[in-house]
PDB file of N, CA and C in Angstrom:
ATOM      1  N   UNK A   1       0.845  -1.179   0.000  1.00  0.00           N
ATOM      2  CA  UNK A   1       0.000   0.000   0.000  1.00  0.00           C
ATOM      3  C   UNK A   1       0.889   1.240   0.000  1.00  0.00           C
ATOM      4  N   UNK A   2       0.606   2.164  -0.881  1.00  0.00           N
ATOM      5  CA  UNK A   2       1.393   3.393  -1.011  1.00  0.00           C
ATOM      6  C   UNK A   2       1.104   4.332   0.159  1.00  0.00           C
ATOM      7  N   UNK A   3       2.109   5.087   0.505  1.00  0.00           N
ATOM      8  CA  UNK A   3       1.976   6.082   1.566  1.00  0.00           C
ATOM      9  C   UNK A   3       1.045   7.201   1.089  1.00  0.00           C
ATOM     10  N   UNK A   4       0.183   7.658   1.970  1.00  0.00           N
ATOM     11  CA  UNK A   4      -0.766   8.723   1.630  1.00  0.00           C
ATOM     12  C   UNK A   4      -0.054  10.080   1.598  1.00  0.00           C
ATOM     13  N   UNK A   5      -0.558  11.029   0.820  1.00  0.00           N
ATOM     14  CA  UNK A   5       0.022  12.374   0.815  1.00  0.00           C
ATOM     15  C   UNK A   5      -0.048  12.992   2.214  1.00  0.00           C
ATOM     16  N   UNK A   6       0.983  13.773   2.548  1.00  0.00           N
ATOM     17  CA  UNK A   6       1.036  14.461   3.835  1.00  0.00           C
ATOM     18  C   UNK A   6       1.397  15.914   3.606  1.00  0.00           C
ATOM     19  N   UNK A   7       0.814  16.806   4.393  1.00  0.00           N
ATOM     20  CA  UNK A   7       1.126  18.231   4.321  1.00  0.00           C
ATOM     21  C   UNK A   7       1.905  18.609   5.569  1.00  0.00           C
ATOM     22  N   UNK A   8       3.024  19.285   5.363  1.00  0.00           N
ATOM     23  CA  UNK A   8       3.885  19.688   6.468  1.00  0.00           C
ATOM     24  C   UNK A   8       3.222  20.812   7.258  1.00  0.00           C
ATOM     25  N   UNK A   9       3.163  20.680   8.588  1.00  0.00           N
ATOM     26  CA  UNK A   9       2.560  21.744   9.389  1.00  0.00           C
ATOM     27  C   UNK A   9       3.435  23.005   9.452  1.00  0.00           C
ATOM     28  N   UNK A  10       4.711  22.886   9.106  1.00  0.00           N
ATOM     29  CA  UNK A  10       5.609  24.031   9.166  1.00  0.00           C
ATOM     30  C   UNK A  10       5.587  24.872   7.900  1.00  0.00           C
ATOM     31  N   UNK A  11       5.765  24.224   6.752  1.00  0.00           N
ATOM     32  CA  UNK A  11       5.890  24.994   5.507  1.00  0.00           C
ATOM     33  C   UNK A  11       4.709  24.822   4.562  1.00  0.00           C
ATOM     34  N   UNK A  12       3.765  23.961   4.907  1.00  0.00           N
ATOM     35  CA  UNK A  12       2.537  23.717   4.129  1.00  0.00           C
ATOM     36  C   UNK A  12       2.783  23.045   2.787  1.00  0.00           C
ATOM     37  N   UNK A  13       3.959  22.474   2.572  1.00  0.00           N
ATOM     38  CA  UNK A  13       4.256  21.714   1.358  1.00  0.00           C
ATOM     39  C   UNK A  13       3.620  20.338   1.490  1.00  0.00           C
ATOM     40  N   UNK A  14       3.112  19.811   0.383  1.00  0.00           N
ATOM     41  CA  UNK A  14       2.545  18.463   0.381  1.00  0.00           C
ATOM     42  C   UNK A  14       3.547  17.507  -0.235  1.00  0.00           C
ATOM     43  N   UNK A  15       3.767  16.379   0.425  1.00  0.00           N
ATOM     44  CA  UNK A  15       4.613  15.318  -0.118  1.00  0.00           C
ATOM     45  C   UNK A  15       3.697  14.154  -0.441  1.00  0.00           C
ATOM     46  N   UNK A  16       3.668  13.773  -1.722  1.00  0.00           N
ATOM     47  CA  UNK A  16       2.821  12.691  -2.211  1.00  0.00           C
ATOM     48  C   UNK A  16       3.700  11.646  -2.885  1.00  0.00           C
ATOM     49  N   UNK A  17       4.092  10.581  -2.169  1.00  0.00           N
ATOM     50  CA  UNK A  17       4.966   9.558  -2.740  1.00  0.00           C
ATOM     51  C   UNK A  17       4.414   8.880  -3.992  1.00  0.00           C
ATOM     52  N   UNK A  18       3.113   8.909  -4.193  1.00  0.00           N
ATOM     53  CA  UNK A  18       2.543   8.267  -5.381  1.00  0.00           C
ATOM     54  C   UNK A  18       2.888   9.013  -6.666  1.00  0.00           C
ATOM     55  N   UNK A  19       3.402  10.244  -6.552  1.00  0.00           N
ATOM     56  CA  UNK A  19       3.762  11.039  -7.725  1.00  0.00           C
ATOM     57  C   UNK A  19       5.137  10.675  -8.279  1.00  0.00           C
ATOM     58  N   UNK A  20       5.874   9.831  -7.585  1.00  0.00           N
ATOM     59  CA  UNK A  20       7.223   9.459  -8.029  1.00  0.00           C
ATOM     60  C   UNK A  20       8.256  10.374  -7.404  1.00  0.00           C
ATOM     61  N   UNK A  21       9.489   9.903  -7.308  1.00  0.00           N
ATOM     62  CA  UNK A  21      10.518  10.650  -6.571  1.00  0.00           C
ATOM     63  C   UNK A  21      10.913  12.003  -7.158  1.00  0.00           C
ATOM     64  N   UNK A  22      10.675  12.235  -8.439  1.00  0.00           N
ATOM     65  CA  UNK A  22      11.075  13.509  -9.039  1.00  0.00           C
ATOM     66  C   UNK A  22      10.004  14.590  -8.937  1.00  0.00           C
ATOM     67  N   UNK A  23       8.777  14.203  -8.635  1.00  0.00           N
ATOM     68  CA  UNK A  23       7.670  15.166  -8.567  1.00  0.00           C
ATOM     69  C   UNK A  23       6.841  15.016  -7.297  1.00  0.00           C
ATOM     70  N   UNK A  24       7.361  14.343  -6.273  1.00  0.00           N
ATOM     71  CA  UNK A  24       6.529  14.040  -5.118  1.00  0.00           C
ATOM     72  C   UNK A  24       6.263  15.232  -4.197  1.00  0.00           C
ATOM     73  N   UNK A  25       7.028  16.301  -4.318  1.00  0.00           N
ATOM     74  CA  UNK A  25       6.813  17.471  -3.482  1.00  0.00           C
ATOM     75  C   UNK A  25       6.001  18.498  -4.260  1.00  0.00           C
ATOM     76  N   UNK A  26       4.886  18.908  -3.680  1.00  0.00           N
ATOM     77  CA  UNK A  26       4.027  19.905  -4.321  1.00  0.00           C
ATOM     78  C   UNK A  26       4.100  21.197  -3.516  1.00  0.00           C
ATOM     79  N   UNK A  27       4.691  22.198  -4.134  1.00  0.00           N
ATOM     80  CA  UNK A  27       4.818  23.508  -3.510  1.00  0.00           C
ATOM     81  C   UNK A  27       3.539  24.304  -3.761  1.00  0.00           C
ATOM     82  N   UNK A  28       3.360  25.411  -3.064  1.00  0.00           N
ATOM     83  CA  UNK A  28       2.162  26.217  -3.268  1.00  0.00           C
ATOM     84  C   UNK A  28       2.168  26.894  -4.634  1.00  0.00           C
ATOM     85  N   UNK A  29       3.359  27.141  -5.201  1.00  0.00           N
ATOM     86  CA  UNK A  29       3.498  27.733  -6.527  1.00  0.00           C
ATOM     87  C   UNK A  29       4.571  26.980  -7.294  1.00  0.00           C
ATOM     88  N   UNK A  30       4.443  26.958  -8.595  1.00  0.00           N
ATOM     89  CA  UNK A  30       5.482  26.385  -9.440  1.00  0.00           C
ATOM     90  C   UNK A  30       5.377  24.879  -9.594  1.00  0.00           C
ATOM     91  N   UNK A  31       6.364  24.325 -10.288  1.00  0.00           N
ATOM     92  CA  UNK A  31       6.348  22.885 -10.565  1.00  0.00           C
ATOM     93  C   UNK A  31       6.659  22.073  -9.313  1.00  0.00           C
ATOM     94  N   UNK A  32       6.333  20.779  -9.394  1.00  0.00           N
ATOM     95  CA  UNK A  32       6.659  19.864  -8.315  1.00  0.00           C
ATOM     96  C   UNK A  32       8.163  19.698  -8.201  1.00  0.00           C
ATOM     97  N   UNK A  33       8.594  19.067  -7.147  1.00  0.00           N
ATOM     98  CA  UNK A  33      10.025  18.885  -6.933  1.00  0.00           C
ATOM     99  C   UNK A  33      10.323  17.638  -6.135  1.00  0.00           C
ATOM    100  N   UNK A  34      11.505  17.609  -5.584  1.00  0.00           N
ATOM    101  CA  UNK A  34      11.991  16.447  -4.858  1.00  0.00           C
ATOM    102  C   UNK A  34      12.169  16.756  -3.377  1.00  0.00           C
ATOM    103  N   UNK A  35      12.231  15.702  -2.580  1.00  0.00           N
ATOM    104  CA  UNK A  35      12.506  15.854  -1.156  1.00  0.00           C
ATOM    105  C   UNK A  35      13.890  16.478  -0.948  1.00  0.00           C
ATOM    106  N   UNK A  36      14.810  16.175  -1.843  1.00  0.00           N
ATOM    107  CA  UNK A  36      16.171  16.690  -1.727  1.00  0.00           C
ATOM    108  C   UNK A  36      16.166  18.214  -1.856  1.00  0.00           C
ATOM    109  N   UNK A  37      15.484  18.708  -2.879  1.00  0.00           N
ATOM    110  CA  UNK A  37      15.410  20.156  -3.104  1.00  0.00           C
ATOM    111  C   UNK A  37      14.671  20.837  -1.956  1.00  0.00           C
ATOM    112  N   UNK A  38      13.605  20.221  -1.471  1.00  0.00           N
ATOM    113  CA  UNK A  38      12.863  20.765  -0.344  1.00  0.00           C
ATOM    114  C   UNK A  38      13.768  20.858   0.883  1.00  0.00           C
ATOM    115  N   UNK A  39      14.563  19.836   1.133  1.00  0.00           N
ATOM    116  CA  UNK A  39      15.490  19.843   2.273  1.00  0.00           C
ATOM    117  C   UNK A  39      16.525  20.962   2.126  1.00  0.00           C
ATOM    118  N   UNK A  40      17.100  21.076   0.930  1.00  0.00           N
ATOM    119  CA  UNK A  40      18.155  22.069   0.703  1.00  0.00           C
ATOM    120  C   UNK A  40      17.639  23.493   0.849  1.00  0.00           C
ATOM    121  N   UNK A  41      16.393  23.725   0.473  1.00  0.00           N
ATOM    122  CA  UNK A  41      15.861  25.093   0.445  1.00  0.00           C
ATOM    123  C   UNK A  41      15.029  25.479   1.664  1.00  0.00           C
ATOM    124  N   UNK A  42      14.467  24.487   2.363  1.00  0.00           N
ATOM    125  CA  UNK A  42      13.562  24.821   3.458  1.00  0.00           C
ATOM    126  C   UNK A  42      13.837  24.026   4.737  1.00  0.00           C
ATOM    127  N   UNK A  43      13.736  22.723   4.657  1.00  0.00           N
ATOM    128  CA  UNK A  43      13.700  21.873   5.851  1.00  0.00           C
ATOM    129  C   UNK A  43      14.900  22.029   6.771  1.00  0.00           C
ATOM    130  N   UNK A  44      16.079  22.146   6.203  1.00  0.00           N
ATOM    131  CA  UNK A  44      17.264  22.236   7.062  1.00  0.00           C
ATOM    132  C   UNK A  44      17.214  23.453   7.980  1.00  0.00           C
ATOM    133  N   UNK A  45      16.454  24.453   7.612  1.00  0.00           N
ATOM    134  CA  UNK A  45      16.380  25.679   8.401  1.00  0.00           C
ATOM    135  C   UNK A  45      15.277  25.656   9.464  1.00  0.00           C
ATOM    136  N   UNK A  46      14.342  24.712   9.364  1.00  0.00           N
ATOM    137  CA  UNK A  46      13.233  24.667  10.313  1.00  0.00           C
ATOM    138  C   UNK A  46      13.184  23.375  11.119  1.00  0.00           C
ATOM    139  N   UNK A  47      14.135  22.487  10.913  1.00  0.00           N
ATOM    140  CA  UNK A  47      14.077  21.177  11.560  1.00  0.00           C
ATOM    141  C   UNK A  47      14.070  21.251  13.080  1.00  0.00           C
ATOM    142  N   UNK A  48      14.663  22.288  13.657  1.00  0.00           N
ATOM    143  CA  UNK A  48      14.706  22.417  15.110  1.00  0.00           C
ATOM    144  C   UNK A  48      13.341  22.779  15.709  1.00  0.00           C
ATOM    145  N   UNK A  49      12.384  23.142  14.875  1.00  0.00           N
ATOM    146  CA  UNK A  49      11.041  23.495  15.361  1.00  0.00           C
ATOM    147  C   UNK A  49      10.176  22.259  15.604  1.00  0.00           C
ATOM    148  N   UNK A  50      10.571  21.125  15.052  1.00  0.00           N
ATOM    149  CA  UNK A  50       9.791  19.903  15.208  1.00  0.00           C
ATOM    150  C   UNK A  50       8.604  19.868  14.260  1.00  0.00           C
ATOM    151  N   UNK A  51       8.210  18.678  13.851  1.00  0.00           N
ATOM    152  CA  UNK A  51       7.051  18.504  12.997  1.00  0.00           C
ATOM    153  C   UNK A  51       7.345  18.419  11.509  1.00  0.00           C
ATOM    154  N   UNK A  52       8.615  18.640  11.090  1.00  0.00           N
ATOM    155  CA  UNK A  52       8.962  18.566   9.665  1.00  0.00           C
ATOM    156  C   UNK A  52       8.730  17.146   9.163  1.00  0.00           C
ATOM    157  N   UNK A  53       7.989  17.006   8.067  1.00  0.00           N
ATOM    158  CA  UNK A  53       7.696  15.677   7.523  1.00  0.00           C
ATOM    159  C   UNK A  53       8.782  15.195   6.569  1.00  0.00           C
ATOM    160  N   UNK A  54       9.823  15.985   6.374  1.00  0.00           N
ATOM    161  CA  UNK A  54      10.922  15.615   5.482  1.00  0.00           C
ATOM    162  C   UNK A  54      12.224  15.458   6.278  1.00  0.00           C
ATOM    163  N   UNK A  55      12.112  15.137   7.556  1.00  0.00           N
ATOM    164  CA  UNK A  55      13.287  15.062   8.421  1.00  0.00           C
ATOM    165  C   UNK A  55      14.039  13.736   8.315  1.00  0.00           C
ATOM    166  N   UNK A  56      13.414  12.701   7.781  1.00  0.00           N
ATOM    167  CA  UNK A  56      14.038  11.381   7.712  1.00  0.00           C
ATOM    168  C   UNK A  56      15.050  11.333   6.567  1.00  0.00           C
ATOM    169  N   UNK A  57      16.331  11.333   6.906  1.00  0.00           N
ATOM    170  CA  UNK A  57      17.403  11.330   5.899  1.00  0.00           C
ATOM    171  C   UNK A  57      17.367  10.084   5.022  1.00  0.00           C
ATOM    172  N   UNK A  58      16.779   9.008   5.496  1.00  0.00           N
ATOM    173  CA  UNK A  58      16.699   7.770   4.709  1.00  0.00           C
ATOM    174  C   UNK A  58      15.757   7.920   3.511  1.00  0.00           C
ATOM    175  N   UNK A  59      14.910   8.929   3.517  1.00  0.00           N
ATOM    176  CA  UNK A  59      13.951   9.127   2.426  1.00  0.00           C
ATOM    177  C   UNK A  59      14.428  10.124   1.381  1.00  0.00           C
ATOM    178  N   UNK A  60      15.658  10.597   1.525  1.00  0.00           N
ATOM    179  CA  UNK A  60      16.191  11.530   0.531  1.00  0.00           C
ATOM    180  C   UNK A  60      17.688  11.298   0.382  1.00  0.00           C
ATOM    181  N   UNK A  61      18.232  11.808  -0.709  1.00  0.00           N
ATOM    182  CA  UNK A  61      19.660  11.700  -0.966  1.00  0.00           C
ATOM    183  C   UNK A  61      20.362  12.950  -0.449  1.00  0.00           C
ATOM    184  N   UNK A  62      21.669  12.997  -0.637  1.00  0.00           N
ATOM    185  CA  UNK A  62      22.433  14.182  -0.267  1.00  0.00           C
ATOM    186  C   UNK A  62      22.210  15.254  -1.329  1.00  0.00           C
ATOM    187  N   UNK A  63      21.917  16.486  -0.920  1.00  0.00           N
ATOM    188  CA  UNK A  63      21.681  17.545  -1.911  1.00  0.00           C
ATOM    189  C   UNK A  63      22.932  17.870  -2.720  1.00  0.00           C
ATOM    190  N   UNK A  64      22.718  18.223  -3.979  1.00  0.00           N
ATOM    191  CA  UNK A  64      23.814  18.690  -4.832  1.00  0.00           C
ATOM    192  C   UNK A  64      23.744  20.213  -4.901  1.00  0.00           C
ATOM    193  N   UNK A  65      24.717  20.814  -5.520  1.00  0.00           N
ATOM    194  CA  UNK A  65      24.767  22.280  -5.613  1.00  0.00           C
ATOM    195  C   UNK A  65      23.523  22.852  -6.296  1.00  0.00           C
ATOM    196  N   UNK A  66      22.951  22.135  -7.249  1.00  0.00           N
ATOM    197  CA  UNK A  66      21.776  22.647  -7.966  1.00  0.00           C
ATOM    198  C   UNK A  66      20.491  22.539  -7.162  1.00  0.00           C
ATOM    199  N   UNK A  67      20.507  21.827  -6.051  1.00  0.00           N
ATOM    200  CA  UNK A  67      19.318  21.726  -5.214  1.00  0.00           C
ATOM    201  C   UNK A  67      19.130  22.968  -4.345  1.00  0.00           C
ATOM    202  N   UNK A  68      20.198  23.672  -4.062  1.00  0.00           N
ATOM    203  CA  UNK A  68      20.135  24.888  -3.264  1.00  0.00           C
ATOM    204  C   UNK A  68      19.754  26.057  -4.171  1.00  0.00           C
ATOM    205  N   UNK A  69      19.309  27.149  -3.584  1.00  0.00           N
ATOM    206  CA  UNK A  69      19.070  28.354  -4.360  1.00  0.00           C
ATOM    207  C   UNK A  69      20.406  28.833  -4.907  1.00  0.00           C
ATOM    208  N   UNK A  70      20.422  29.345  -6.114  1.00  0.00           N
ATOM    209  CA  UNK A  70      21.637  29.891  -6.701  1.00  0.00           C
ATOM    210  C   UNK A  70      21.936  31.276  -6.147  1.00  0.00           C
ATOM    211  N   UNK A  71      23.095  31.772  -6.466  1.00  0.00           N
ATOM    212  CA  UNK A  71      23.460  33.122  -6.056  1.00  0.00           C
ATOM    213  C   UNK A  71      22.590  34.127  -6.811  1.00  0.00           C
ATOM    214  N   UNK A  72      22.289  35.199  -6.160  1.00  0.00           N
ATOM    215  CA  UNK A  72      21.516  36.258  -6.803  1.00  0.00           C
ATOM    216  C   UNK A  72      22.357  36.899  -7.900  1.00  0.00           C
ATOM    217  N   UNK A  73      21.736  37.316  -8.975  1.00  0.00           N
ATOM    218  CA  UNK A  73      22.496  37.963 -10.039  1.00  0.00           C
ATOM    219  C   UNK A  73      23.068  39.301  -9.577  1.00  0.00           C
ATOM    220  N   UNK A  74      24.163  39.671 -10.162  1.00  0.00           N
ATOM    221  CA  UNK A  74      24.785  40.962  -9.824  1.00  0.00           C
ATOM    222  C   UNK A  74      23.896  42.095 -10.301  1.00  0.00           C
ATOM    223  N   UNK A  75      23.865  43.132  -9.534  1.00  0.00           N
ATOM    224  CA  UNK A  75      23.076  44.322  -9.877  1.00  0.00           C
ATOM    225  C   UNK A  75      24.036  45.484 -10.069  1.00  0.00           C
ATOM    226  N   UNK A  76      23.944  46.142 -11.211  1.00  0.00           N
ATOM    227  CA  UNK A  76      24.785  47.332 -11.380  1.00  0.00           C
ATOM    228  C   UNK A  76      23.915  48.570 -11.333  1.00  0.00           C
ATOM    229  N   UNK A  77      24.360  49.469 -10.527  1.00  0.00           N
ATOM    230  CA  UNK A  77      23.657  50.727 -10.372  1.00  0.00           C
ATOM    231  C   UNK A  77      24.393  51.810 -11.151  1.00  0.00           C
ATOM    232  N   UNK A  78      23.663  52.740 -11.710  1.00  0.00           N
ATOM    233  CA  UNK A  78      24.334  53.836 -12.420  1.00  0.00           C
ATOM    234  C   UNK A  78      25.113  54.687 -11.403  1.00  0.00           C
ATOM    235  N   UNK A  79      26.183  55.271 -11.841  1.00  0.00           N
ATOM    236  CA  UNK A  79      26.940  56.117 -10.911  1.00  0.00           C
ATOM    237  C   UNK A  79      26.084  57.269 -10.423  1.00  0.00           C
ATOM    238  N   UNK A  80      26.293  57.645  -9.184  1.00  0.00           N
ATOM    239  CA  UNK A  80      25.527  58.754  -8.630  1.00  0.00           C
ATOM    240  C   UNK A  80      26.188  60.073  -9.020  1.00  0.00           C
ATOM    241  N   UNK A  81      25.368  61.027  -9.251  1.00  0.00           N
ATOM    242  CA  UNK A  81      25.894  62.351  -9.597  1.00  0.00           C
ATOM    243  C   UNK A  81      25.606  63.266  -8.416  1.00  0.00           C
ATOM    244  N   UNK A  82      26.633  63.850  -7.925  1.00  0.00           N
ATOM    245  CA  UNK A  82      26.442  64.588  -6.715  1.00  0.00           C
ATOM    246  C   UNK A  82      26.696  65.982  -6.811  1.00  0.00           C
TER     247      UNK A  82
END
């Protein structure tokens, strides 16, 4: 029997194992994702609060560099005239 979908009480993300490992995480906006990406971007920062449904390391792999948010693009401002 497949595991039923669960919604995290902390971040409100739904994890639905029946969707397959590449699309099992449903965010409030945008495409589905993986437990790995969810861990890299959210869970690691809230795990000390308790209740995270993605805390079991056995259910995800080690995150790669692309699972984390990338660096913000550089912003160039015009020179100020004083």
